[in-house]
Amino acid sequence: MREQATEQFHQSLIRQYQDLIQEAIIESESDHRTRLNIGKLNSKLQVIMKAAHYDGVPETIISRLIDEAMPNNIEKAA
């Protein structure tokens, strides 16, 4: 029972980080979602990575979430 609760907490934490990553991407977009400010996004993602490390979420999971969240059709400009 305790393992199930731990797993549910872990999954909830991952979903929260997934939401934070999406928010960081949206906040870094400009020009009607056609450009992405890489510097701004990088700063936000570094904060998320540090928080995830503190919370015990493996870097590999956060990296995967970032890869999955990145839009493919946005011109990336600093």
PDB file of N, CA and C in Angstrom:
ATOM      1  N   MET A   1       0.818  -1.190   0.000  1.00  0.00           N
ATOM      2  CA  MET A   1       0.000   0.000   0.000  1.00  0.00           C
ATOM      3  C   MET A   1       0.867   1.261   0.000  1.00  0.00           C
ATOM      4  N   ARG A   2       1.903   1.253   0.814  1.00  0.00           N
ATOM      5  CA  ARG A   2       2.792   2.409   0.890  1.00  0.00           C
ATOM      6  C   ARG A   2       3.534   2.616  -0.437  1.00  0.00           C
ATOM      7  N   GLU A   3       3.919   1.525  -1.098  1.00  0.00           N
ATOM      8  CA  GLU A   3       4.603   1.626  -2.388  1.00  0.00           C
ATOM      9  C   GLU A   3       3.693   2.271  -3.427  1.00  0.00           C
ATOM     10  N   GLN A   4       2.412   1.935  -3.375  1.00  0.00           N
ATOM     11  CA  GLN A   4       1.452   2.507  -4.312  1.00  0.00           C
ATOM     12  C   GLN A   4       1.315   4.016  -4.077  1.00  0.00           C
ATOM     13  N   ALA A   5       1.250   4.416  -2.839  1.00  0.00           N
ATOM     14  CA  ALA A   5       1.154   5.839  -2.509  1.00  0.00           C
ATOM     15  C   ALA A   5       2.412   6.580  -2.955  1.00  0.00           C
ATOM     16  N   THR A   6       3.558   5.969  -2.767  1.00  0.00           N
ATOM     17  CA  THR A   6       4.817   6.576  -3.201  1.00  0.00           C
ATOM     18  C   THR A   6       4.844   6.726  -4.711  1.00  0.00           C
ATOM     19  N   GLU A   7       4.401   5.707  -5.420  1.00  0.00           N
ATOM     20  CA  GLU A   7       4.363   5.756  -6.885  1.00  0.00           C
ATOM     21  C   GLU A   7       3.386   6.834  -7.366  1.00  0.00           C
ATOM     22  N   GLN A   8       2.243   6.943  -6.721  1.00  0.00           N
ATOM     23  CA  GLN A   8       1.267   7.969  -7.092  1.00  0.00           C
ATOM     24  C   GLN A   8       1.844   9.363  -6.865  1.00  0.00           C
ATOM     25  N   PHE A   9       2.546   9.539  -5.752  1.00  0.00           N
ATOM     26  CA  PHE A   9       3.179  10.822  -5.467  1.00  0.00           C
ATOM     27  C   PHE A   9       4.226  11.142  -6.532  1.00  0.00           C
ATOM     28  N   HIS A  10       5.027  10.149  -6.878  1.00  0.00           N
ATOM     29  CA  HIS A  10       6.075  10.324  -7.884  1.00  0.00           C
ATOM     30  C   HIS A  10       5.466  10.720  -9.234  1.00  0.00           C
ATOM     31  N   GLN A  11       4.399  10.054  -9.630  1.00  0.00           N
ATOM     32  CA  GLN A  11       3.736  10.363 -10.902  1.00  0.00           C
ATOM     33  C   GLN A  11       3.127  11.769 -10.870  1.00  0.00           C
ATOM     34  N   SER A  12       2.567  12.149  -9.741  1.00  0.00           N
ATOM     35  CA  SER A  12       2.004  13.484  -9.587  1.00  0.00           C
ATOM     36  C   SER A  12       3.102  14.543  -9.702  1.00  0.00           C
ATOM     37  N   LEU A  13       4.242  14.283  -9.098  1.00  0.00           N
ATOM     38  CA  LEU A  13       5.373  15.192  -9.159  1.00  0.00           C
ATOM     39  C   LEU A  13       5.859  15.341 -10.602  1.00  0.00           C
ATOM     40  N   ILE A  14       5.923  14.259 -11.326  1.00  0.00           N
ATOM     41  CA  ILE A  14       6.349  14.301 -12.727  1.00  0.00           C
ATOM     42  C   ILE A  14       5.363  15.128 -13.550  1.00  0.00           C
ATOM     43  N   ARG A  15       4.057  14.952 -13.314  1.00  0.00           N
ATOM     44  CA  ARG A  15       3.057  15.746 -14.034  1.00  0.00           C
ATOM     45  C   ARG A  15       3.213  17.234 -13.723  1.00  0.00           C
ATOM     46  N   GLN A  16       3.543  17.543 -12.492  1.00  0.00           N
ATOM     47  CA  GLN A  16       3.759  18.946 -12.128  1.00  0.00           C
ATOM     48  C   GLN A  16       4.942  19.534 -12.883  1.00  0.00           C
ATOM     49  N   TYR A  17       6.011  18.762 -12.986  1.00  0.00           N
ATOM     50  CA  TYR A  17       7.174  19.237 -13.739  1.00  0.00           C
ATOM     51  C   TYR A  17       6.864  19.330 -15.228  1.00  0.00           C
ATOM     52  N   GLN A  18       6.060  18.437 -15.724  1.00  0.00           N
ATOM     53  CA  GLN A  18       5.633  18.501 -17.121  1.00  0.00           C
ATOM     54  C   GLN A  18       4.884  19.817 -17.365  1.00  0.00           C
ATOM     55  N   ASP A  19       4.009  20.196 -16.459  1.00  0.00           N
ATOM     56  CA  ASP A  19       3.277  21.455 -16.562  1.00  0.00           C
ATOM     57  C   ASP A  19       4.222  22.652 -16.480  1.00  0.00           C
ATOM     58  N   LEU A  20       5.193  22.590 -15.576  1.00  0.00           N
ATOM     59  CA  LEU A  20       6.156  23.690 -15.447  1.00  0.00           C
ATOM     60  C   LEU A  20       6.969  23.872 -16.725  1.00  0.00           C
ATOM     61  N   ILE A  21       7.340  22.778 -17.345  1.00  0.00           N
ATOM     62  CA  ILE A  21       8.107  22.842 -18.594  1.00  0.00           C
ATOM     63  C   ILE A  21       7.253  23.459 -19.698  1.00  0.00           C
ATOM     64  N   GLN A  22       5.995  23.056 -19.791  1.00  0.00           N
ATOM     65  CA  GLN A  22       5.091  23.641 -20.783  1.00  0.00           C
ATOM     66  C   GLN A  22       4.948  25.147 -20.565  1.00  0.00           C
ATOM     67  N   GLU A  23       4.791  25.557 -19.323  1.00  0.00           N
ATOM     68  CA  GLU A  23       4.676  26.978 -19.001  1.00  0.00           C
ATOM     69  C   GLU A  23       5.946  27.733 -19.399  1.00  0.00           C
ATOM     70  N   ALA A  24       7.096  27.139 -19.138  1.00  0.00           N
ATOM     71  CA  ALA A  24       8.367  27.784 -19.495  1.00  0.00           C
ATOM     72  C   ALA A  24       8.467  27.978 -21.004  1.00  0.00           C
ATOM     73  N   ILE A  25       8.036  27.000 -21.763  1.00  0.00           N
ATOM     74  CA  ILE A  25       8.074  27.115 -23.224  1.00  0.00           C
ATOM     75  C   ILE A  25       7.130  28.214 -23.690  1.00  0.00           C
ATOM     76  N   ILE A  26       5.925  28.223 -23.164  1.00  0.00           N
ATOM     77  CA  ILE A  26       4.943  29.236 -23.555  1.00  0.00           C
ATOM     78  C   ILE A  26       5.435  30.635 -23.207  1.00  0.00           C
ATOM     79  N   GLU A  27       6.009  30.788 -22.032  1.00  0.00           N
ATOM     80  CA  GLU A  27       6.522  32.102 -21.608  1.00  0.00           C
ATOM     81  C   GLU A  27       7.728  32.549 -22.431  1.00  0.00           C
ATOM     82  N   SER A  28       8.388  31.618 -23.095  1.00  0.00           N
ATOM     83  CA  SER A  28       9.574  31.945 -23.889  1.00  0.00           C
ATOM     84  C   SER A  28       9.239  32.158 -25.363  1.00  0.00           C
ATOM     85  N   GLU A  29       8.001  31.951 -25.739  1.00  0.00           N
ATOM     86  CA  GLU A  29       7.591  32.144 -27.129  1.00  0.00           C
ATOM     87  C   GLU A  29       7.302  33.615 -27.377  1.00  0.00           C
ATOM     88  N   SER A  30       7.479  34.018 -28.631  1.00  0.00           N
ATOM     89  CA  SER A  30       7.159  35.379 -29.030  1.00  0.00           C
ATOM     90  C   SER A  30       6.705  35.363 -30.480  1.00  0.00           C
ATOM     91  N   ASP A  31       6.359  36.524 -30.990  1.00  0.00           N
ATOM     92  CA  ASP A  31       5.925  36.661 -32.384  1.00  0.00           C
ATOM     93  C   ASP A  31       4.849  35.652 -32.755  1.00  0.00           C
ATOM     94  N   HIS A  32       3.794  35.658 -31.977  1.00  0.00           N
ATOM     95  CA  HIS A  32       2.650  34.786 -32.246  1.00  0.00           C
ATOM     96  C   HIS A  32       3.039  33.317 -32.328  1.00  0.00           C
ATOM     97  N   ARG A  33       3.857  32.895 -31.379  1.00  0.00           N
ATOM     98  CA  ARG A  33       4.287  31.499 -31.242  1.00  0.00           C
ATOM     99  C   ARG A  33       5.113  31.001 -32.428  1.00  0.00           C
ATOM    100  N   THR A  34       5.793  31.913 -33.119  1.00  0.00           N
ATOM    101  CA  THR A  34       6.632  31.498 -34.238  1.00  0.00           C
ATOM    102  C   THR A  34       8.114  31.528 -33.904  1.00  0.00           C
ATOM    103  N   ARG A  35       8.458  32.155 -32.798  1.00  0.00           N
ATOM    104  CA  ARG A  35       9.867  32.237 -32.387  1.00  0.00           C
ATOM    105  C   ARG A  35       9.982  31.832 -30.934  1.00  0.00           C
ATOM    106  N   LEU A  36      11.139  31.324 -30.598  1.00  0.00           N
ATOM    107  CA  LEU A  36      11.401  30.873 -29.240  1.00  0.00           C
ATOM    108  C   LEU A  36      12.677  31.535 -28.745  1.00  0.00           C
ATOM    109  N   ASN A  37      12.588  32.238 -27.630  1.00  0.00           N
ATOM    110  CA  ASN A  37      13.752  32.891 -27.041  1.00  0.00           C
ATOM    111  C   ASN A  37      14.522  31.825 -26.255  1.00  0.00           C
ATOM    112  N   ILE A  38      15.572  31.325 -26.861  1.00  0.00           N
ATOM    113  CA  ILE A  38      16.333  30.216 -26.287  1.00  0.00           C
ATOM    114  C   ILE A  38      16.988  30.606 -24.964  1.00  0.00           C
ATOM    115  N   GLY A  39      17.512  31.819 -24.863  1.00  0.00           N
ATOM    116  CA  GLY A  39      18.151  32.262 -23.621  1.00  0.00           C
ATOM    117  C   GLY A  39      17.170  32.274 -22.462  1.00  0.00           C
ATOM    118  N   LYS A  40      16.000  32.820 -22.709  1.00  0.00           N
ATOM    119  CA  LYS A  40      14.961  32.870 -21.678  1.00  0.00           C
ATOM    120  C   LYS A  40      14.519  31.462 -21.293  1.00  0.00           C
ATOM    121  N   LEU A  41      14.302  30.623 -22.299  1.00  0.00           N
ATOM    122  CA  LEU A  41      13.879  29.248 -22.039  1.00  0.00           C
ATOM    123  C   LEU A  41      14.951  28.485 -21.269  1.00  0.00           C
ATOM    124  N   ASN A  42      16.197  28.644 -21.655  1.00  0.00           N
ATOM    125  CA  ASN A  42      17.293  27.957 -20.975  1.00  0.00           C
ATOM    126  C   ASN A  42      17.352  28.333 -19.501  1.00  0.00           C
ATOM    127  N   SER A  43      17.183  29.615 -19.201  1.00  0.00           N
ATOM    128  CA  SER A  43      17.195  30.060 -17.801  1.00  0.00           C
ATOM    129  C   SER A  43      16.070  29.408 -17.006  1.00  0.00           C
ATOM    130  N   LYS A  44      14.891  29.374 -17.587  1.00  0.00           N
ATOM    131  CA  LYS A  44      13.741  28.773 -16.912  1.00  0.00           C
ATOM    132  C   LYS A  44      13.942  27.268 -16.713  1.00  0.00           C
ATOM    133  N   LEU A  45      14.482  26.601 -17.721  1.00  0.00           N
ATOM    134  CA  LEU A  45      14.694  25.156 -17.624  1.00  0.00           C
ATOM    135  C   LEU A  45      15.776  24.820 -16.607  1.00  0.00           C
ATOM    136  N   GLN A  46      16.782  25.670 -16.462  1.00  0.00           N
ATOM    137  CA  GLN A  46      17.812  25.435 -15.450  1.00  0.00           C
ATOM    138  C   GLN A  46      17.214  25.471 -14.048  1.00  0.00           C
ATOM    139  N   VAL A  47      16.314  26.408 -13.814  1.00  0.00           N
ATOM    140  CA  VAL A  47      15.640  26.494 -12.514  1.00  0.00           C
ATOM    141  C   VAL A  47      14.809  25.238 -12.280  1.00  0.00           C
ATOM    142  N   ILE A  48      14.106  24.799 -13.309  1.00  0.00           N
ATOM    143  CA  ILE A  48      13.283  23.586 -13.203  1.00  0.00           C
ATOM    144  C   ILE A  48      14.160  22.372 -12.918  1.00  0.00           C
ATOM    145  N   MET A  49      15.293  22.272 -13.603  1.00  0.00           N
ATOM    146  CA  MET A  49      16.208  21.141 -13.386  1.00  0.00           C
ATOM    147  C   MET A  49      16.726  21.119 -11.946  1.00  0.00           C
ATOM    148  N   LYS A  50      17.080  22.279 -11.422  1.00  0.00           N
ATOM    149  CA  LYS A  50      17.567  22.347 -10.036  1.00  0.00           C
ATOM    150  C   LYS A  50      16.478  21.943  -9.052  1.00  0.00           C
ATOM    151  N   ALA A  51      15.271  22.417  -9.289  1.00  0.00           N
ATOM    152  CA  ALA A  51      14.154  22.069  -8.401  1.00  0.00           C
ATOM    153  C   ALA A  51      13.866  20.572  -8.471  1.00  0.00           C
ATOM    154  N   ALA A  52      13.916  20.010  -9.671  1.00  0.00           N
ATOM    155  CA  ALA A  52      13.668  18.581  -9.837  1.00  0.00           C
ATOM    156  C   ALA A  52      14.734  17.769  -9.112  1.00  0.00           C
ATOM    157  N   HIS A  53      15.969  18.202  -9.224  1.00  0.00           N
ATOM    158  CA  HIS A  53      17.059  17.518  -8.522  1.00  0.00           C
ATOM    159  C   HIS A  53      16.805  17.544  -7.016  1.00  0.00           C
ATOM    160  N   TYR A  54      16.407  18.695  -6.517  1.00  0.00           N
ATOM    161  CA  TYR A  54      16.109  18.851  -5.089  1.00  0.00           C
ATOM    162  C   TYR A  54      14.962  17.931  -4.668  1.00  0.00           C
ATOM    163  N   ASP A  55      13.964  17.779  -5.555  1.00  0.00           N
ATOM    164  CA  ASP A  55      12.804  16.928  -5.262  1.00  0.00           C
ATOM    165  C   ASP A  55      13.062  15.444  -5.498  1.00  0.00           C
ATOM    166  N   GLY A  56      14.233  15.125  -6.021  1.00  0.00           N
ATOM    167  CA  GLY A  56      14.584  13.722  -6.231  1.00  0.00           C
ATOM    168  C   GLY A  56      14.098  13.141  -7.548  1.00  0.00           C
ATOM    169  N   VAL A  57      13.719  14.007  -8.486  1.00  0.00           N
ATOM    170  CA  VAL A  57      13.302  13.532  -9.809  1.00  0.00           C
ATOM    171  C   VAL A  57      14.564  13.398 -10.651  1.00  0.00           C
ATOM    172  N   PRO A  58      14.801  12.218 -11.214  1.00  0.00           N
ATOM    173  CA  PRO A  58      16.025  12.009 -12.001  1.00  0.00           C
ATOM    174  C   PRO A  58      16.118  12.957 -13.206  1.00  0.00           C
ATOM    175  N   GLU A  59      17.326  13.374 -13.488  1.00  0.00           N
ATOM    176  CA  GLU A  59      17.574  14.273 -14.614  1.00  0.00           C
ATOM    177  C   GLU A  59      17.111  13.652 -15.929  1.00  0.00           C
ATOM    178  N   THR A  60      17.228  12.350 -16.056  1.00  0.00           N
ATOM    179  CA  THR A  60      16.806  11.685 -17.293  1.00  0.00           C
ATOM    180  C   THR A  60      15.313  11.870 -17.543  1.00  0.00           C
ATOM    181  N   ILE A  61      14.527  11.857 -16.484  1.00  0.00           N
ATOM    182  CA  ILE A  61      13.082  12.046 -16.635  1.00  0.00           C
ATOM    183  C   ILE A  61      12.788  13.485 -17.060  1.00  0.00           C
ATOM    184  N   ILE A  62      13.430  14.444 -16.418  1.00  0.00           N
ATOM    185  CA  ILE A  62      13.210  15.845 -16.778  1.00  0.00           C
ATOM    186  C   ILE A  62      13.672  16.103 -18.206  1.00  0.00           C
ATOM    187  N   SER A  63      14.799  15.543 -18.595  1.00  0.00           N
ATOM    188  CA  SER A  63      15.295  15.709 -19.965  1.00  0.00           C
ATOM    189  C   SER A  63      14.304  15.135 -20.973  1.00  0.00           C
ATOM    190  N   ARG A  64      13.736  13.992 -20.652  1.00  0.00           N
ATOM    191  CA  ARG A  64      12.741  13.375 -21.545  1.00  0.00           C
ATOM    192  C   ARG A  64      11.504  14.264 -21.649  1.00  0.00           C
ATOM    193  N   LEU A  65      11.055  14.813 -20.532  1.00  0.00           N
ATOM    194  CA  LEU A  65       9.892  15.697 -20.544  1.00  0.00           C
ATOM    195  C   LEU A  65      10.153  16.946 -21.383  1.00  0.00           C
ATOM    196  N   ILE A  66      11.358  17.474 -21.287  1.00  0.00           N
ATOM    197  CA  ILE A  66      11.722  18.647 -22.085  1.00  0.00           C
ATOM    198  C   ILE A  66      11.723  18.289 -23.567  1.00  0.00           C
ATOM    199  N   ASP A  67      12.339  17.174 -23.918  1.00  0.00           N
ATOM    200  CA  ASP A  67      12.373  16.742 -25.311  1.00  0.00           C
ATOM    201  C   ASP A  67      10.971  16.552 -25.876  1.00  0.00           C
ATOM    202  N   GLU A  68      10.089  15.959 -25.095  1.00  0.00           N
ATOM    203  CA  GLU A  68       8.723  15.714 -25.541  1.00  0.00           C
ATOM    204  C   GLU A  68       7.935  17.015 -25.678  1.00  0.00           C
ATOM    205  N   ALA A  69       8.241  18.003 -24.854  1.00  0.00           N
ATOM    206  CA  ALA A  69       7.473  19.251 -24.841  1.00  0.00           C
ATOM    207  C   ALA A  69       7.904  20.248 -25.911  1.00  0.00           C
ATOM    208  N   MET A  70       9.132  20.119 -26.385  1.00  0.00           N
ATOM    209  CA  MET A  70       9.645  21.095 -27.341  1.00  0.00           C
ATOM    210  C   MET A  70       8.876  21.024 -28.656  1.00  0.00           C
ATOM    211  N   PRO A  71       8.367  22.170 -29.098  1.00  0.00           N
ATOM    212  CA  PRO A  71       7.658  22.187 -30.386  1.00  0.00           C
ATOM    213  C   PRO A  71       8.636  21.991 -31.537  1.00  0.00           C
ATOM    214  N   ASN A  72       8.191  21.287 -32.555  1.00  0.00           N
ATOM    215  CA  ASN A  72       9.060  20.998 -33.691  1.00  0.00           C
ATOM    216  C   ASN A  72       8.999  22.074 -34.774  1.00  0.00           C
ATOM    217  N   ASN A  73       7.930  22.845 -34.777  1.00  0.00           N
ATOM    218  CA  ASN A  73       7.710  23.771 -35.890  1.00  0.00           C
ATOM    219  C   ASN A  73       8.006  25.222 -35.555  1.00  0.00           C
ATOM    220  N   ILE A  74       8.690  25.485 -34.476  1.00  0.00           N
ATOM    221  CA  ILE A  74       8.990  26.869 -34.088  1.00  0.00           C
ATOM    222  C   ILE A  74      10.406  27.210 -34.482  1.00  0.00           C
ATOM    223  N   GLU A  75      10.556  28.355 -35.141  1.00  0.00           N
ATOM    224  CA  GLU A  75      11.894  28.842 -35.477  1.00  0.00           C
ATOM    225  C   GLU A  75      12.555  29.294 -34.200  1.00  0.00           C
ATOM    226  N   LYS A  76      13.689  28.731 -33.878  1.00  0.00           N
ATOM    227  CA  LYS A  76      14.375  29.021 -32.629  1.00  0.00           C
ATOM    228  C   LYS A  76      15.362  30.158 -32.833  1.00  0.00           C
ATOM    229  N   ALA A  77      15.161  31.227 -32.078  1.00  0.00           N
ATOM    230  CA  ALA A  77      16.056  32.384 -32.187  1.00  0.00           C
ATOM    231  C   ALA A  77      16.357  32.907 -30.798  1.00  0.00           C
ATOM    232  N   ALA A  78      17.587  33.302 -30.587  1.00  0.00           N
ATOM    233  CA  ALA A  78      18.000  33.823 -29.277  1.00  0.00           C
ATOM    234  C   ALA A  78      17.536  35.229 -29.079  1.00  0.00           C
TER     235      ALA A  78
END
